[in-house]
Amino acid sequence: ADRVLAPLAFASNLYSIYAHHGSVWALSSLAALKCHVLANYYSKRGMYDEFVIWHSLWHAVGVGLIVVCFAVNGRVSECWEGSRWED
């Protein structure tokens, strides 16, 4: 399921960021994609420790970029009310 859902989720987030904030922010996702490619590289070679590091970074970098992009561009919801990100 992850082989199908992960690319769909990535494409959906990429489209949303591109549609709301433009190509520069969307291109920042290449950092997360690079982590994913490296995780697959190490996985195929049986290098588990390196795979875990890069796979974890894929999630952390990807989610981090999404949160930063939407926070910097003022696109946050009610769950952010009262946070330091508000203007």
Protein backbone atom coordinates (compact mmCIF):
# COMPACT_ATOMS: atom_id res chain seq x y z
CA ALA A 1 0.00 0.00 0.00
CA ASP A 2 2.86 2.38 0.80
CA ARG A 3 4.22 2.07 -2.73
CA VAL A 4 0.93 3.43 -4.02
CA LEU A 5 -0.11 5.85 -1.27
CA ALA A 6 3.26 7.52 -0.65
CA PRO A 7 3.69 8.80 -4.24
CA LEU A 8 0.06 9.94 -4.28
CA ALA A 9 0.49 11.82 -1.00
CA PHE A 10 3.76 13.36 -2.24
CA ALA A 11 2.19 14.46 -5.52
CA SER A 12 -0.87 15.84 -3.74
CA ASN A 13 1.24 17.91 -1.34
CA LEU A 14 3.50 19.06 -4.16
CA TYR A 15 0.50 20.20 -6.20
CA SER A 16 -1.04 22.00 -3.22
CA ILE A 17 2.19 23.86 -2.45
CA TYR A 18 2.70 24.75 -6.11
CA ALA A 19 -0.90 25.95 -6.50
CA HIS A 20 -0.82 28.11 -3.37
CA HIS A 21 2.77 29.30 -3.20
CA GLY A 22 4.48 28.82 -6.57
CA SER A 23 7.31 26.88 -8.08
CA VAL A 24 10.12 28.03 -5.76
CA TRP A 25 8.44 26.47 -2.73
CA ALA A 26 7.49 23.39 -4.72
CA LEU A 27 11.09 22.92 -5.85
CA SER A 28 12.17 22.81 -2.21
CA SER A 29 10.56 19.36 -2.10
CA LEU A 30 13.53 18.06 -4.06
CA ALA A 31 15.38 17.89 -0.73
CA ALA A 32 12.81 15.40 0.59
CA LEU A 33 12.85 13.48 -2.67
CA LYS A 34 16.65 13.20 -2.47
CA CYS A 35 16.29 11.65 1.00
CA HIS A 36 13.79 9.15 -0.41
CA VAL A 37 16.08 8.20 -3.30
CA LEU A 38 19.00 7.66 -0.92
CA ALA A 39 16.81 5.56 1.41
CA ASN A 40 15.88 3.31 -1.52
CA TYR A 41 19.52 3.09 -2.58
CA TYR A 42 20.62 1.84 0.84
CA SER A 43 17.60 -0.43 1.20
CA LYS A 44 18.42 -2.28 -2.01
CA ARG A 45 21.99 -2.80 -0.80
CA GLY A 46 20.93 -4.16 2.59
CA MET A 47 22.50 -1.26 4.48
CA TYR A 48 19.82 -1.01 7.16
CA ASP A 49 21.34 1.72 9.37
CA GLU A 50 21.79 4.10 6.45
CA PHE A 51 18.32 3.23 5.14
CA VAL A 52 16.72 4.11 8.50
CA ILE A 53 18.53 7.44 8.66
CA TRP A 54 17.56 8.52 5.13
CA HIS A 55 14.01 7.18 5.39
CA SER A 56 13.52 9.09 8.64
CA LEU A 57 14.95 12.21 7.04
CA TRP A 58 12.56 11.79 4.13
CA HIS A 59 9.61 12.09 6.51
CA ALA A 60 11.13 14.83 8.68
CA VAL A 61 12.32 16.99 5.78
CA GLY A 62 9.09 16.53 3.82
CA VAL A 63 6.76 17.39 6.68
CA GLY A 64 9.06 20.15 7.87
CA LEU A 65 9.05 21.81 4.46
CA ILE A 66 5.26 21.61 4.25
CA VAL A 67 4.81 23.16 7.71
CA VAL A 68 7.39 25.91 7.08
CA CYS A 69 5.95 26.74 3.67
CA PHE A 70 2.39 27.10 4.91
CA ALA A 71 3.41 28.93 8.10
CA VAL A 72 5.68 31.43 6.31
CA ASN A 73 3.01 32.13 3.73
CA GLY A 74 0.26 32.63 6.33
CA ARG A 75 -1.76 29.55 5.41
CA VAL A 76 -2.44 28.00 8.80
CA SER A 77 -5.70 26.84 10.34
CA GLU A 78 -7.41 27.20 13.70
CA CYS A 79 -5.05 24.73 15.33
CA TRP A 80 -2.32 27.38 15.05
CA GLU A 81 -4.34 30.08 16.87
CA GLY A 82 -2.29 31.60 19.64
CA SER A 83 0.96 30.23 18.30
CA ARG A 84 4.04 32.35 17.71
CA TRP A 85 3.56 31.93 13.93
CA GLU A 86 0.58 34.27 13.89
CA ASP A 87 1.02 37.86 12.74
